[in-house]
Amino acid sequence: MSESEYKYRFDFEANDLEQLQKLLNRVQELDKYDTLKELYSLNEMIELISKPKKIKKSAKKMVATDKATEARTARAKEKIQNAINILRMENKKITHYSIAKTAGVSYLTVKKYISLDEIN
């Protein structure tokens, strides 16, 4: 598939969209971006972002997203707990880093779910 067969959507908060529109208007006034204008007309870009597509989230999709997040969280917590048990059995020092390495999850994931005060 070529790039022209794809459509892209931007999700902006109201204030983000407003700031982007102001910025693009300033760029247009400066008239310094001739190469950008050759690639894609700045006026067309401004027109596109002036009329964002409103996409309503369905209740079914929100429930499915929440369910997937809960499952992913449960798997991460289980991996972390298993890693703590392994480290205890091997009499190794328990740190966020050692847990992450043993569990196969990121350091930030361990920090998110486990406080070292809870472990020691």
Protein backbone atom coordinates (compact mmCIF):
# COMPACT_ATOMS: atom_id res chain seq x y z
CA MET A 1 0.00 0.00 0.00
CA SER A 2 1.24 3.47 -0.78
CA GLU A 3 1.26 6.35 1.69
CA SER A 4 -1.58 8.05 -0.21
CA GLU A 5 -3.93 5.20 0.70
CA TYR A 6 -3.77 6.08 4.40
CA LYS A 7 -5.73 8.75 6.21
CA TYR A 8 -4.46 10.30 9.39
CA ARG A 9 -6.40 11.75 12.26
CA PHE A 10 -5.16 14.09 14.97
CA ASP A 11 -6.80 14.13 18.38
CA PHE A 12 -6.45 17.53 19.97
CA GLU A 13 -7.74 19.02 23.17
CA ALA A 14 -9.55 22.29 22.49
CA ASN A 15 -6.71 24.47 23.77
CA ASP A 16 -4.08 22.46 21.82
CA LEU A 17 -5.99 22.93 18.60
CA GLU A 18 -6.33 26.64 19.21
CA GLN A 19 -2.60 27.02 19.89
CA LEU A 20 -1.71 25.06 16.76
CA GLN A 21 -4.02 27.20 14.64
CA LYS A 22 -2.43 30.39 16.02
CA LEU A 23 1.05 29.04 15.35
CA LEU A 24 0.22 28.07 11.77
CA ASN A 25 -1.34 31.46 11.14
CA ARG A 26 1.87 33.12 12.36
CA VAL A 27 3.96 30.87 10.10
CA GLN A 28 1.76 31.78 7.17
CA GLU A 29 2.24 35.49 7.89
CA LEU A 30 6.02 35.11 8.08
CA ASP A 31 6.07 33.47 4.64
CA LYS A 32 9.45 31.85 5.38
CA TYR A 33 8.47 28.26 4.76
CA ASP A 34 8.31 28.06 0.98
CA THR A 35 9.54 24.46 0.94
CA LEU A 36 6.77 23.46 3.33
CA LYS A 37 4.26 25.20 1.10
CA GLU A 38 5.56 23.21 -1.85
CA LEU A 39 5.06 19.94 -0.02
CA TYR A 40 1.65 20.72 1.34
CA SER A 41 -0.15 24.00 1.08
CA LEU A 42 -0.17 25.67 4.47
CA ASN A 43 -3.61 27.09 3.71
CA GLU A 44 -4.95 23.58 3.12
CA MET A 45 -3.37 22.43 6.39
CA ILE A 46 -4.98 25.28 8.29
CA GLU A 47 -8.32 24.43 6.71
CA LEU A 48 -7.97 20.76 7.68
CA ILE A 49 -7.26 21.46 11.33
CA SER A 50 -9.97 24.10 11.48
CA LYS A 51 -12.58 21.37 11.04
CA PRO A 52 -11.48 18.42 13.19
CA LYS A 53 -13.51 15.26 12.95
CA LYS A 54 -15.43 14.56 16.13
CA ILE A 55 -15.19 10.90 17.02
CA LYS A 56 -17.47 9.63 19.75
CA LYS A 57 -16.11 6.84 21.90
CA SER A 58 -18.59 4.03 22.16
CA ALA A 59 -19.40 2.55 25.54
CA LYS A 60 -18.42 -0.88 24.21
CA LYS A 61 -14.98 0.38 23.19
CA MET A 62 -14.42 2.11 26.54
CA VAL A 63 -15.34 -1.08 28.43
CA ALA A 64 -13.02 -3.14 26.22
CA THR A 65 -10.17 -0.66 26.78
CA ASP A 66 -10.67 -0.73 30.54
CA LYS A 67 -10.78 -4.53 30.53
CA ALA A 68 -7.56 -4.75 28.49
CA THR A 69 -5.82 -2.29 30.82
CA GLU A 70 -6.87 -4.30 33.87
CA ALA A 71 -5.57 -7.52 32.30
CA ARG A 72 -2.26 -5.90 31.35
CA THR A 73 -1.88 -4.46 34.84
CA ALA A 74 -2.64 -7.82 36.44
CA ARG A 75 -0.03 -9.56 34.24
CA ALA A 76 2.61 -6.96 35.14
CA LYS A 77 1.85 -7.21 38.86
CA GLU A 78 2.01 -11.01 38.68
CA LYS A 79 5.38 -10.90 36.91
CA ILE A 80 6.68 -8.46 39.53
CA GLN A 81 5.47 -10.60 42.43
CA ASN A 82 7.01 -13.72 40.87
CA ALA A 83 10.31 -11.88 40.42
CA ILE A 84 10.29 -10.79 44.08
CA ASN A 85 9.70 -14.40 45.15
CA ILE A 86 12.54 -15.61 42.93
CA LEU A 87 14.92 -12.96 44.29
CA ARG A 88 13.98 -13.90 47.87
CA MET A 89 14.54 -17.61 47.19
CA GLU A 90 17.96 -16.84 45.69
CA ASN A 91 18.80 -14.50 48.61
CA LYS A 92 19.52 -11.65 46.19
CA LYS A 93 19.17 -7.97 46.94
CA ILE A 94 15.71 -6.71 46.05
CA THR A 95 15.74 -3.39 44.23
CA HIS A 96 13.50 -1.90 41.60
CA TYR A 97 16.19 -2.65 39.03
CA SER A 98 16.66 -6.28 40.06
CA ILE A 99 12.91 -6.84 40.07
CA ALA A 100 12.56 -5.31 36.61
CA LYS A 101 15.41 -7.36 35.22
CA THR A 102 14.09 -10.62 36.70
CA ALA A 103 10.45 -9.94 35.79
CA GLY A 104 11.19 -8.78 32.25
CA VAL A 105 9.31 -5.53 32.71
CA SER A 106 10.51 -1.95 32.65
CA TYR A 107 12.03 -0.22 35.64
CA LEU A 108 9.24 2.38 35.55
CA THR A 109 6.58 -0.33 35.61
CA VAL A 110 8.11 -1.74 38.80
CA LYS A 111 8.30 1.72 40.37
CA LYS A 112 4.68 2.31 39.42
CA TYR A 113 3.36 -0.77 41.20
CA ILE A 114 5.87 -1.51 43.97
CA SER A 115 7.36 0.55 46.76
CA LEU A 116 10.54 -0.87 48.27
CA ASP A 117 9.03 -0.18 51.71
CA GLU A 118 6.39 -2.80 50.89
CA ILE A 119 9.02 -5.38 50.03
CA ASN A 120 11.52 -5.03 52.86
